[in-house]
Amino acid sequence: MNRTSPADPPRWAVWAAYAVPLCVLPSAVWRLTLLVTEDAATGWYMILLSVLSMGLALSTLGLVHDWGRRLPHWVPRLGGRPIPARPVVLVALIGGSALVAICVYLLLNSRFHVVQRGWVGIGRDEPAHPTPTWEVLRYYAPMAAWGPLVIAVAVDHARRVAALRRRSG
C-alpha cells in the first residue's frame, strides 16, 4: 500500500489493526469449544464473551479504513455522515489502557497473589476455579498484545486526522 495522502495509514498501523482480531481469536474459539464440554448454564456467557471480544477487536479495523471515518450509506438517516475522530480515539485509548491495566493486574496477581480468590459470578453456586495452567493460558497469552496494539493504532489515527485538519483548514 503506497501512502498517497495523510489520510492513508502507514503499513505498520494496518498490520497492527489486523493483528488485534488475530490476538483475540484463539481465546474466543477456545471458549466456544467449551460449550460441548462444560456446563450448559455458562454457555450463554461463553458465547457472549467470545462475540463481544471479537466484535471489539474487529472494530479496531475502523481506525485504518475509510468506513471508520464515515458512516456507511446504508445506515438509516445517518449514512454518509463523518464520524467524529476525537470520541473514537478517546474510546480506543481508554479501551486499550484498560486492557493493559487488566493484563498488568493479572500478571502481578499471579506473581504476588494480591487477591487469592475473586467472585466468579457465573454458573451454579459460583464455583472456585483452579489457577489456570498453560493449557488454558496459551489461548489467552496473545491477548496481552491487544491493548498496546489498539493504543498504537489509535495514536496513529489521531495523528492522521490532525494532519488532515491542518491541510484542510
N, C-alpha and C. Protein backbone atom coordinates (compact mmCIF):
# COMPACT_ATOMS: atom_id res chain seq x y z
N MET A 1 0.85 -1.18 0.00
CA MET A 1 0.00 0.00 0.00
C MET A 1 0.89 1.24 0.00
N ASN A 2 0.84 2.00 -1.03
CA ASN A 2 1.56 3.27 -1.08
C ASN A 2 0.73 4.36 -0.45
N ARG A 3 1.36 5.12 0.42
CA ARG A 3 0.63 6.22 1.06
C ARG A 3 0.59 7.39 0.10
N THR A 4 -0.62 7.82 -0.21
CA THR A 4 -0.78 8.93 -1.15
C THR A 4 -1.26 10.19 -0.46
N SER A 5 -1.79 10.07 0.73
CA SER A 5 -2.26 11.24 1.46
C SER A 5 -2.11 11.00 2.95
N PRO A 6 -2.20 12.06 3.74
CA PRO A 6 -2.10 11.88 5.19
C PRO A 6 -3.23 11.02 5.75
N ALA A 7 -4.30 10.85 4.99
CA ALA A 7 -5.42 10.02 5.47
C ALA A 7 -5.10 8.54 5.39
N ASP A 8 -4.12 8.16 4.56
CA ASP A 8 -3.77 6.75 4.43
C ASP A 8 -2.89 6.33 5.60
N PRO A 9 -3.24 5.24 6.24
CA PRO A 9 -2.44 4.78 7.39
C PRO A 9 -1.13 4.16 6.92
N PRO A 10 -0.10 4.23 7.75
CA PRO A 10 1.16 3.56 7.40
C PRO A 10 0.96 2.03 7.46
N ARG A 11 1.83 1.35 6.79
CA ARG A 11 1.72 -0.11 6.71
C ARG A 11 1.71 -0.77 8.11
N TRP A 12 2.55 -0.26 9.02
CA TRP A 12 2.61 -0.87 10.34
C TRP A 12 1.28 -0.75 11.07
N ALA A 13 0.56 0.37 10.87
CA ALA A 13 -0.72 0.56 11.55
C ALA A 13 -1.77 -0.41 11.01
N VAL A 14 -1.74 -0.65 9.69
CA VAL A 14 -2.67 -1.61 9.10
C VAL A 14 -2.38 -3.01 9.64
N TRP A 15 -1.10 -3.39 9.67
CA TRP A 15 -0.73 -4.70 10.21
C TRP A 15 -1.14 -4.81 11.69
N ALA A 16 -0.92 -3.76 12.46
CA ALA A 16 -1.28 -3.79 13.88
C ALA A 16 -2.79 -3.92 14.06
N ALA A 17 -3.56 -3.20 13.23
CA ALA A 17 -5.02 -3.28 13.34
C ALA A 17 -5.52 -4.69 13.00
N TYR A 18 -4.92 -5.31 12.00
CA TYR A 18 -5.32 -6.68 11.65
C TYR A 18 -4.81 -7.71 12.65
N ALA A 19 -3.75 -7.37 13.37
CA ALA A 19 -3.23 -8.28 14.38
C ALA A 19 -4.16 -8.38 15.59
N VAL A 20 -4.91 -7.32 15.86
CA VAL A 20 -5.79 -7.31 17.04
C VAL A 20 -6.79 -8.46 17.01
N PRO A 21 -7.59 -8.62 15.94
CA PRO A 21 -8.53 -9.75 15.94
C PRO A 21 -7.81 -11.11 15.99
N LEU A 22 -6.62 -11.17 15.40
CA LEU A 22 -5.87 -12.43 15.45
C LEU A 22 -5.38 -12.74 16.86
N CYS A 23 -5.14 -11.71 17.67
CA CYS A 23 -4.74 -11.92 19.07
C CYS A 23 -5.92 -12.41 19.92
N VAL A 24 -7.12 -12.00 19.55
CA VAL A 24 -8.31 -12.34 20.33
C VAL A 24 -8.91 -13.68 19.89
N LEU A 25 -8.69 -14.05 18.64
CA LEU A 25 -9.31 -15.24 18.07
C LEU A 25 -9.05 -16.54 18.84
N PRO A 26 -7.82 -16.85 19.26
CA PRO A 26 -7.60 -18.13 19.97
C PRO A 26 -8.47 -18.29 21.22
N SER A 27 -8.57 -17.23 22.03
CA SER A 27 -9.37 -17.35 23.26
C SER A 27 -10.86 -17.45 22.94
N ALA A 28 -11.32 -16.72 21.92
CA ALA A 28 -12.73 -16.77 21.55
C ALA A 28 -13.10 -18.16 21.05
N VAL A 29 -12.27 -18.74 20.21
CA VAL A 29 -12.54 -20.09 19.71
C VAL A 29 -12.47 -21.10 20.84
N TRP A 30 -11.47 -20.97 21.71
CA TRP A 30 -11.35 -21.90 22.82
C TRP A 30 -12.58 -21.86 23.73
N ARG A 31 -13.07 -20.65 24.02
CA ARG A 31 -14.28 -20.55 24.85
C ARG A 31 -15.47 -21.22 24.18
N LEU A 32 -15.59 -21.07 22.86
CA LEU A 32 -16.71 -21.70 22.16
C LEU A 32 -16.58 -23.22 22.14
N THR A 33 -15.37 -23.74 22.13
CA THR A 33 -15.21 -25.20 22.18
C THR A 33 -15.62 -25.75 23.55
N LEU A 34 -15.58 -24.91 24.57
CA LEU A 34 -16.01 -25.36 25.90
C LEU A 34 -17.50 -25.64 25.96
N LEU A 35 -18.25 -25.11 25.01
CA LEU A 35 -19.71 -25.31 25.01
C LEU A 35 -20.08 -26.78 24.93
N VAL A 36 -19.26 -27.58 24.27
CA VAL A 36 -19.57 -29.01 24.15
C VAL A 36 -19.06 -29.81 25.34
N THR A 37 -18.22 -29.21 26.17
CA THR A 37 -17.66 -29.96 27.30
C THR A 37 -18.09 -29.45 28.67
N GLU A 38 -18.50 -28.20 28.75
CA GLU A 38 -18.81 -27.59 30.04
C GLU A 38 -20.31 -27.60 30.34
N ASP A 39 -20.62 -27.11 31.51
CA ASP A 39 -21.99 -26.97 31.98
C ASP A 39 -22.76 -26.01 31.06
N ALA A 40 -23.95 -26.38 30.67
CA ALA A 40 -24.76 -25.57 29.76
C ALA A 40 -25.17 -24.23 30.39
N ALA A 41 -25.13 -24.13 31.71
CA ALA A 41 -25.54 -22.90 32.38
C ALA A 41 -24.59 -21.75 32.05
N THR A 42 -23.34 -22.03 31.75
CA THR A 42 -22.39 -20.97 31.41
C THR A 42 -22.25 -20.79 29.91
N GLY A 43 -22.99 -21.55 29.11
CA GLY A 43 -22.87 -21.47 27.66
C GLY A 43 -23.16 -20.09 27.10
N TRP A 44 -24.23 -19.45 27.58
CA TRP A 44 -24.58 -18.12 27.09
C TRP A 44 -23.45 -17.13 27.37
N TYR A 45 -22.80 -17.29 28.53
CA TYR A 45 -21.72 -16.39 28.93
C TYR A 45 -20.52 -16.55 27.99
N MET A 46 -20.20 -17.80 27.67
CA MET A 46 -19.07 -18.07 26.78
C MET A 46 -19.33 -17.50 25.38
N ILE A 47 -20.56 -17.66 24.90
CA ILE A 47 -20.92 -17.13 23.58
C ILE A 47 -20.85 -15.60 23.61
N LEU A 48 -21.46 -15.00 24.61
CA LEU A 48 -21.47 -13.54 24.74
C LEU A 48 -20.05 -12.98 24.82
N LEU A 49 -19.23 -13.58 25.64
CA LEU A 49 -17.86 -13.09 25.82
C LEU A 49 -17.06 -13.23 24.52
N SER A 50 -17.22 -14.34 23.83
CA SER A 50 -16.49 -14.55 22.57
C SER A 50 -16.95 -13.57 21.49
N VAL A 51 -18.25 -13.41 21.34
CA VAL A 51 -18.78 -12.49 20.32
C VAL A 51 -18.41 -11.05 20.65
N LEU A 52 -18.54 -10.66 21.91
CA LEU A 52 -18.21 -9.30 22.33
C LEU A 52 -16.73 -8.99 22.12
N SER A 53 -15.86 -9.90 22.54
CA SER A 53 -14.43 -9.64 22.39
C SER A 53 -14.02 -9.59 20.92
N MET A 54 -14.56 -10.47 20.08
CA MET A 54 -14.23 -10.43 18.65
C MET A 54 -14.81 -9.17 18.01
N GLY A 55 -16.01 -8.77 18.40
CA GLY A 55 -16.60 -7.54 17.85
C GLY A 55 -15.77 -6.32 18.19
N LEU A 56 -15.32 -6.23 19.43
CA LEU A 56 -14.47 -5.10 19.83
C LEU A 56 -13.13 -5.13 19.12
N ALA A 57 -12.57 -6.33 18.98
CA ALA A 57 -11.29 -6.45 18.28
C ALA A 57 -11.42 -6.06 16.82
N LEU A 58 -12.49 -6.49 16.18
CA LEU A 58 -12.70 -6.14 14.77
C LEU A 58 -12.96 -4.65 14.58
N SER A 59 -13.50 -3.99 15.60
CA SER A 59 -13.76 -2.55 15.47
C SER A 59 -12.46 -1.75 15.33
N THR A 60 -11.34 -2.33 15.73
CA THR A 60 -10.04 -1.67 15.58
C THR A 60 -9.74 -1.41 14.10
N LEU A 61 -10.27 -2.26 13.22
CA LEU A 61 -10.03 -2.09 11.79
C LEU A 61 -10.59 -0.77 11.27
N GLY A 62 -11.61 -0.24 11.94
CA GLY A 62 -12.18 1.04 11.54
C GLY A 62 -11.20 2.19 11.68
N LEU A 63 -10.16 2.01 12.48
CA LEU A 63 -9.17 3.07 12.66
C LEU A 63 -8.22 3.17 11.46
N VAL A 64 -8.22 2.17 10.58
CA VAL A 64 -7.32 2.21 9.42
C VAL A 64 -8.07 2.14 8.09
N HIS A 65 -9.40 2.10 8.14
CA HIS A 65 -10.20 2.03 6.92
C HIS A 65 -11.15 3.23 6.84
N ASP A 66 -11.58 3.52 5.61
CA ASP A 66 -12.48 4.65 5.40
C ASP A 66 -13.80 4.48 6.15
N TRP A 67 -14.30 3.25 6.27
CA TRP A 67 -15.57 3.05 6.95
C TRP A 67 -15.48 3.39 8.43
N GLY A 68 -14.29 3.60 8.94
CA GLY A 68 -14.13 4.03 10.32
C GLY A 68 -14.18 5.55 10.46
N ARG A 69 -14.18 6.26 9.33
CA ARG A 69 -14.24 7.73 9.37
C ARG A 69 -15.59 8.28 8.92
N ARG A 70 -16.39 7.45 8.26
CA ARG A 70 -17.67 7.89 7.73
C ARG A 70 -18.67 6.74 7.87
N LEU A 71 -19.88 7.07 8.36
CA LEU A 71 -20.90 6.03 8.49
C LEU A 71 -21.29 5.49 7.11
N PRO A 72 -21.50 4.19 6.99
CA PRO A 72 -21.89 3.62 5.70
C PRO A 72 -23.21 4.22 5.21
N HIS A 73 -23.37 4.32 3.91
CA HIS A 73 -24.57 4.93 3.32
C HIS A 73 -25.84 4.16 3.63
N TRP A 74 -25.73 2.86 3.95
CA TRP A 74 -26.92 2.06 4.22
C TRP A 74 -27.50 2.29 5.62
N VAL A 75 -26.80 3.05 6.49
CA VAL A 75 -27.32 3.34 7.83
C VAL A 75 -28.45 4.37 7.69
N PRO A 76 -29.66 4.03 8.15
CA PRO A 76 -30.80 4.95 8.00
C PRO A 76 -30.54 6.31 8.66
N ARG A 77 -30.89 7.37 7.97
CA ARG A 77 -30.83 8.77 8.41
C ARG A 77 -29.43 9.31 8.66
N LEU A 78 -28.48 8.47 9.01
CA LEU A 78 -27.15 8.95 9.36
C LEU A 78 -26.09 8.58 8.33
N GLY A 79 -26.44 7.73 7.37
CA GLY A 79 -25.48 7.23 6.40
C GLY A 79 -24.76 8.34 5.66
N GLY A 80 -23.45 8.20 5.53
CA GLY A 80 -22.63 9.17 4.82
C GLY A 80 -22.05 10.26 5.69
N ARG A 81 -22.54 10.40 6.90
CA ARG A 81 -22.03 11.45 7.79
C ARG A 81 -20.66 11.05 8.35
N PRO A 82 -19.81 12.04 8.55
CA PRO A 82 -18.49 11.71 9.14
C PRO A 82 -18.62 11.32 10.61
N ILE A 83 -17.76 10.44 11.02
CA ILE A 83 -17.69 10.03 12.43
C ILE A 83 -16.66 10.93 13.10
N PRO A 84 -17.02 11.61 14.17
CA PRO A 84 -16.05 12.49 14.83
C PRO A 84 -14.86 11.69 15.38
N ALA A 85 -13.67 12.11 15.04
CA ALA A 85 -12.47 11.35 15.38
C ALA A 85 -12.13 11.41 16.87
N ARG A 86 -12.37 12.54 17.50
CA ARG A 86 -11.96 12.69 18.90
C ARG A 86 -12.60 11.65 19.82
N PRO A 87 -13.94 11.42 19.77
CA PRO A 87 -14.52 10.39 20.64
C PRO A 87 -14.04 8.98 20.27
N VAL A 88 -13.83 8.74 18.99
CA VAL A 88 -13.36 7.42 18.57
C VAL A 88 -11.98 7.14 19.16
N VAL A 89 -11.09 8.12 19.04
CA VAL A 89 -9.74 7.96 19.57
C VAL A 89 -9.79 7.84 21.09
N LEU A 90 -10.62 8.64 21.74
CA LEU A 90 -10.73 8.59 23.19
C LEU A 90 -11.20 7.21 23.66
N VAL A 91 -12.23 6.67 23.03
CA VAL A 91 -12.73 5.34 23.40
C VAL A 91 -11.66 4.29 23.16
N ALA A 92 -10.95 4.38 22.04
CA ALA A 92 -9.90 3.40 21.74
C ALA A 92 -8.77 3.49 22.76
N LEU A 93 -8.38 4.70 23.14
CA LEU A 93 -7.31 4.86 24.12
C LEU A 93 -7.73 4.37 25.51
N ILE A 94 -8.96 4.65 25.89
CA ILE A 94 -9.45 4.17 27.19
C ILE A 94 -9.54 2.64 27.18
N GLY A 95 -10.09 2.10 26.10
CA GLY A 95 -10.19 0.64 25.99
C GLY A 95 -8.83 -0.03 25.99
N GLY A 96 -7.89 0.50 25.21
CA GLY A 96 -6.55 -0.07 25.17
C GLY A 96 -5.85 0.04 26.52
N SER A 97 -6.02 1.17 27.19
CA SER A 97 -5.42 1.35 28.52
C SER A 97 -6.04 0.40 29.54
N ALA A 98 -7.35 0.18 29.45
CA ALA A 98 -8.00 -0.78 30.35
C ALA A 98 -7.47 -2.19 30.12
N LEU A 99 -7.27 -2.55 28.86
CA LEU A 99 -6.72 -3.87 28.55
C LEU A 99 -5.31 -4.03 29.09
N VAL A 100 -4.49 -2.99 28.95
CA VAL A 100 -3.14 -3.04 29.50
C VAL A 100 -3.20 -3.17 31.02
N ALA A 101 -4.07 -2.40 31.67
CA ALA A 101 -4.20 -2.47 33.13
C ALA A 101 -4.64 -3.85 33.59
N ILE A 102 -5.58 -4.45 32.88
CA ILE A 102 -6.05 -5.80 33.23
C ILE A 102 -4.91 -6.80 33.11
N CYS A 103 -4.14 -6.71 32.03
CA CYS A 103 -3.02 -7.64 31.85
C CYS A 103 -1.96 -7.45 32.94
N VAL A 104 -1.65 -6.20 33.26
CA VAL A 104 -0.66 -5.94 34.31
C VAL A 104 -1.17 -6.47 35.64
N TYR A 105 -2.45 -6.24 35.94
CA TYR A 105 -3.02 -6.76 37.18
C TYR A 105 -2.93 -8.28 37.23
N LEU A 106 -3.31 -8.95 36.14
CA LEU A 106 -3.29 -10.41 36.13
C LEU A 106 -1.86 -10.95 36.28
N LEU A 107 -0.91 -10.30 35.62
CA LEU A 107 0.48 -10.74 35.77
C LEU A 107 0.99 -10.52 37.19
N LEU A 108 0.72 -9.34 37.75
CA LEU A 108 1.18 -9.06 39.11
C LEU A 108 0.48 -9.96 40.13
N ASN A 109 -0.81 -10.17 39.94
CA ASN A 109 -1.55 -11.01 40.88
C ASN A 109 -1.08 -12.46 40.81
N SER A 110 -0.75 -12.94 39.60
CA SER A 110 -0.27 -14.32 39.50
C SER A 110 1.09 -14.48 40.17
N ARG A 111 1.87 -13.41 40.22
CA ARG A 111 3.19 -13.48 40.84
C ARG A 111 3.14 -13.23 42.34
N PHE A 112 2.37 -12.22 42.76
CA PHE A 112 2.38 -11.81 44.16
C PHE A 112 1.13 -12.22 44.93
N HIS A 113 0.14 -12.78 44.28
CA HIS A 113 -1.09 -13.29 44.91
C HIS A 113 -1.77 -12.24 45.79
N VAL A 114 -1.99 -11.07 45.22
CA VAL A 114 -2.65 -9.98 45.94
C VAL A 114 -4.07 -10.39 46.29
N VAL A 115 -4.78 -10.96 45.32
CA VAL A 115 -6.14 -11.45 45.54
C VAL A 115 -6.11 -12.96 45.34
N GLN A 116 -6.43 -13.69 46.40
CA GLN A 116 -6.36 -15.15 46.32
C GLN A 116 -7.50 -15.74 45.50
N ARG A 117 -8.71 -15.26 45.73
CA ARG A 117 -9.88 -15.81 45.05
C ARG A 117 -10.90 -14.71 44.89
N GLY A 118 -11.38 -14.53 43.69
CA GLY A 118 -12.35 -13.48 43.42
C GLY A 118 -13.72 -14.04 43.13
N TRP A 119 -14.67 -13.16 42.99
CA TRP A 119 -16.04 -13.51 42.67
C TRP A 119 -16.08 -14.04 41.25
N VAL A 120 -16.73 -15.16 41.03
CA VAL A 120 -16.83 -15.76 39.70
C VAL A 120 -18.09 -15.25 39.02
N GLY A 121 -19.24 -15.33 39.67
CA GLY A 121 -20.45 -14.74 39.17
C GLY A 121 -21.15 -15.43 38.03
N ILE A 122 -20.73 -16.61 37.67
CA ILE A 122 -21.42 -17.36 36.62
C ILE A 122 -21.61 -18.79 37.08
N GLY A 123 -22.58 -19.45 36.53
CA GLY A 123 -22.80 -20.85 36.86
C GLY A 123 -23.44 -21.03 38.22
N ARG A 124 -23.73 -22.27 38.52
CA ARG A 124 -24.35 -22.59 39.81
C ARG A 124 -23.36 -22.47 40.95
N ASP A 125 -23.78 -21.89 42.03
CA ASP A 125 -23.00 -21.79 43.27
C ASP A 125 -21.65 -21.09 43.09
N GLU A 126 -21.49 -20.36 42.03
CA GLU A 126 -20.26 -19.61 41.80
C GLU A 126 -19.03 -20.42 42.21
N PRO A 127 -18.71 -21.47 41.47
CA PRO A 127 -17.61 -22.35 41.86
C PRO A 127 -16.25 -21.65 41.80
N ALA A 128 -15.35 -22.09 42.67
CA ALA A 128 -13.99 -21.58 42.63
C ALA A 128 -13.24 -22.32 41.53
N HIS A 129 -12.61 -21.57 40.67
CA HIS A 129 -11.85 -22.18 39.58
C HIS A 129 -10.40 -22.33 40.00
N PRO A 130 -9.77 -23.43 39.61
CA PRO A 130 -8.35 -23.58 39.93
C PRO A 130 -7.52 -22.59 39.10
N THR A 131 -6.31 -22.35 39.55
CA THR A 131 -5.41 -21.47 38.80
C THR A 131 -5.18 -22.08 37.43
N PRO A 132 -5.37 -21.29 36.38
CA PRO A 132 -5.21 -21.84 35.04
C PRO A 132 -3.79 -22.27 34.75
N THR A 133 -3.66 -23.36 34.03
CA THR A 133 -2.35 -23.87 33.63
C THR A 133 -2.04 -23.37 32.22
N TRP A 134 -0.89 -23.75 31.69
CA TRP A 134 -0.51 -23.35 30.35
C TRP A 134 -1.51 -23.86 29.32
N GLU A 135 -2.22 -24.96 29.62
CA GLU A 135 -3.23 -25.49 28.70
C GLU A 135 -4.32 -24.46 28.41
N VAL A 136 -4.59 -23.60 29.37
CA VAL A 136 -5.58 -22.53 29.19
C VAL A 136 -4.89 -21.22 28.81
N LEU A 137 -3.81 -20.90 29.48
CA LEU A 137 -3.14 -19.61 29.28
C LEU A 137 -2.62 -19.43 27.86
N ARG A 138 -2.30 -20.52 27.18
CA ARG A 138 -1.78 -20.39 25.81
C ARG A 138 -2.80 -19.74 24.87
N TYR A 139 -4.09 -19.89 25.19
CA TYR A 139 -5.12 -19.26 24.37
C TYR A 139 -5.31 -17.78 24.72
N TYR A 140 -4.94 -17.42 25.93
CA TYR A 140 -5.10 -16.04 26.38
C TYR A 140 -3.83 -15.22 26.26
N ALA A 141 -2.69 -15.84 26.15
CA ALA A 141 -1.41 -15.12 26.07
C ALA A 141 -1.37 -14.11 24.93
N PRO A 142 -1.87 -14.44 23.73
CA PRO A 142 -1.82 -13.42 22.66
C PRO A 142 -2.62 -12.17 22.97
N MET A 143 -3.60 -12.28 23.86
CA MET A 143 -4.42 -11.11 24.19
C MET A 143 -3.63 -10.03 24.93
N ALA A 144 -2.44 -10.38 25.44
CA ALA A 144 -1.62 -9.37 26.11
C ALA A 144 -1.20 -8.27 25.14
N ALA A 145 -1.18 -8.57 23.85
CA ALA A 145 -0.80 -7.56 22.84
C ALA A 145 -1.97 -6.69 22.42
N TRP A 146 -3.20 -7.07 22.78
CA TRP A 146 -4.40 -6.35 22.34
C TRP A 146 -4.35 -4.87 22.73
N GLY A 147 -4.14 -4.58 24.00
CA GLY A 147 -4.13 -3.18 24.48
C GLY A 147 -3.08 -2.32 23.82
N PRO A 148 -1.80 -2.75 23.83
CA PRO A 148 -0.78 -1.92 23.19
C PRO A 148 -1.03 -1.72 21.69
N LEU A 149 -1.53 -2.73 21.00
CA LEU A 149 -1.82 -2.58 19.57
C LEU A 149 -2.92 -1.55 19.33
N VAL A 150 -3.98 -1.61 20.14
CA VAL A 150 -5.08 -0.65 19.98
C VAL A 150 -4.59 0.77 20.27
N ILE A 151 -3.79 0.93 21.29
CA ILE A 151 -3.26 2.25 21.63
C ILE A 151 -2.41 2.79 20.48
N ALA A 152 -1.54 1.96 19.92
CA ALA A 152 -0.67 2.40 18.83
C ALA A 152 -1.49 2.82 17.61
N VAL A 153 -2.50 2.02 17.25
CA VAL A 153 -3.32 2.34 16.09
C VAL A 153 -4.15 3.59 16.34
N ALA A 154 -4.66 3.75 17.56
CA ALA A 154 -5.46 4.94 17.89
C ALA A 154 -4.61 6.21 17.85
N VAL A 155 -3.39 6.15 18.34
CA VAL A 155 -2.50 7.31 18.30
C VAL A 155 -2.19 7.67 16.84
N ASP A 156 -1.96 6.66 16.01
CA ASP A 156 -1.72 6.93 14.59
C ASP A 156 -2.96 7.54 13.93
N HIS A 157 -4.13 7.03 14.27
CA HIS A 157 -5.38 7.57 13.72
C HIS A 157 -5.53 9.04 14.11
N ALA A 158 -5.26 9.36 15.36
CA ALA A 158 -5.35 10.76 15.81
C ALA A 158 -4.35 11.63 15.06
N ARG A 159 -3.15 11.13 14.85
CA ARG A 159 -2.12 11.88 14.11
C ARG A 159 -2.57 12.15 12.68
N ARG A 160 -3.14 11.15 12.02
CA ARG A 160 -3.59 11.31 10.64
C ARG A 160 -4.75 12.29 10.54
N VAL A 161 -5.70 12.21 11.48
CA VAL A 161 -6.84 13.13 11.47
C VAL A 161 -6.36 14.56 11.70
N ALA A 162 -5.40 14.75 12.60
CA ALA A 162 -4.86 16.10 12.86
C ALA A 162 -4.14 16.62 11.61
N ALA A 163 -3.43 15.76 10.90
CA ALA A 163 -2.74 16.18 9.66
C ALA A 163 -3.77 16.58 8.60
N LEU A 164 -4.87 15.87 8.52
CA LEU A 164 -5.93 16.22 7.56
C LEU A 164 -6.54 17.57 7.90
N ARG A 165 -6.77 17.81 9.19
CA ARG A 165 -7.34 19.09 9.61
C ARG A 165 -6.42 20.25 9.27
N ARG A 166 -5.11 20.05 9.50
CA ARG A 166 -4.15 21.12 9.20
C ARG A 166 -4.11 21.42 7.70
N ARG A 167 -4.23 20.39 6.90
CA ARG A 167 -4.21 20.57 5.44
C ARG A 167 -5.47 21.27 4.93
N SER A 168 -6.61 20.93 5.54
CA SER A 168 -7.86 21.48 5.02
C SER A 168 -8.23 22.84 5.61
N GLY A 169 -7.62 23.20 6.68
CA GLY A 169 -8.05 24.47 7.26
C GLY A 169 -7.01 25.09 8.04
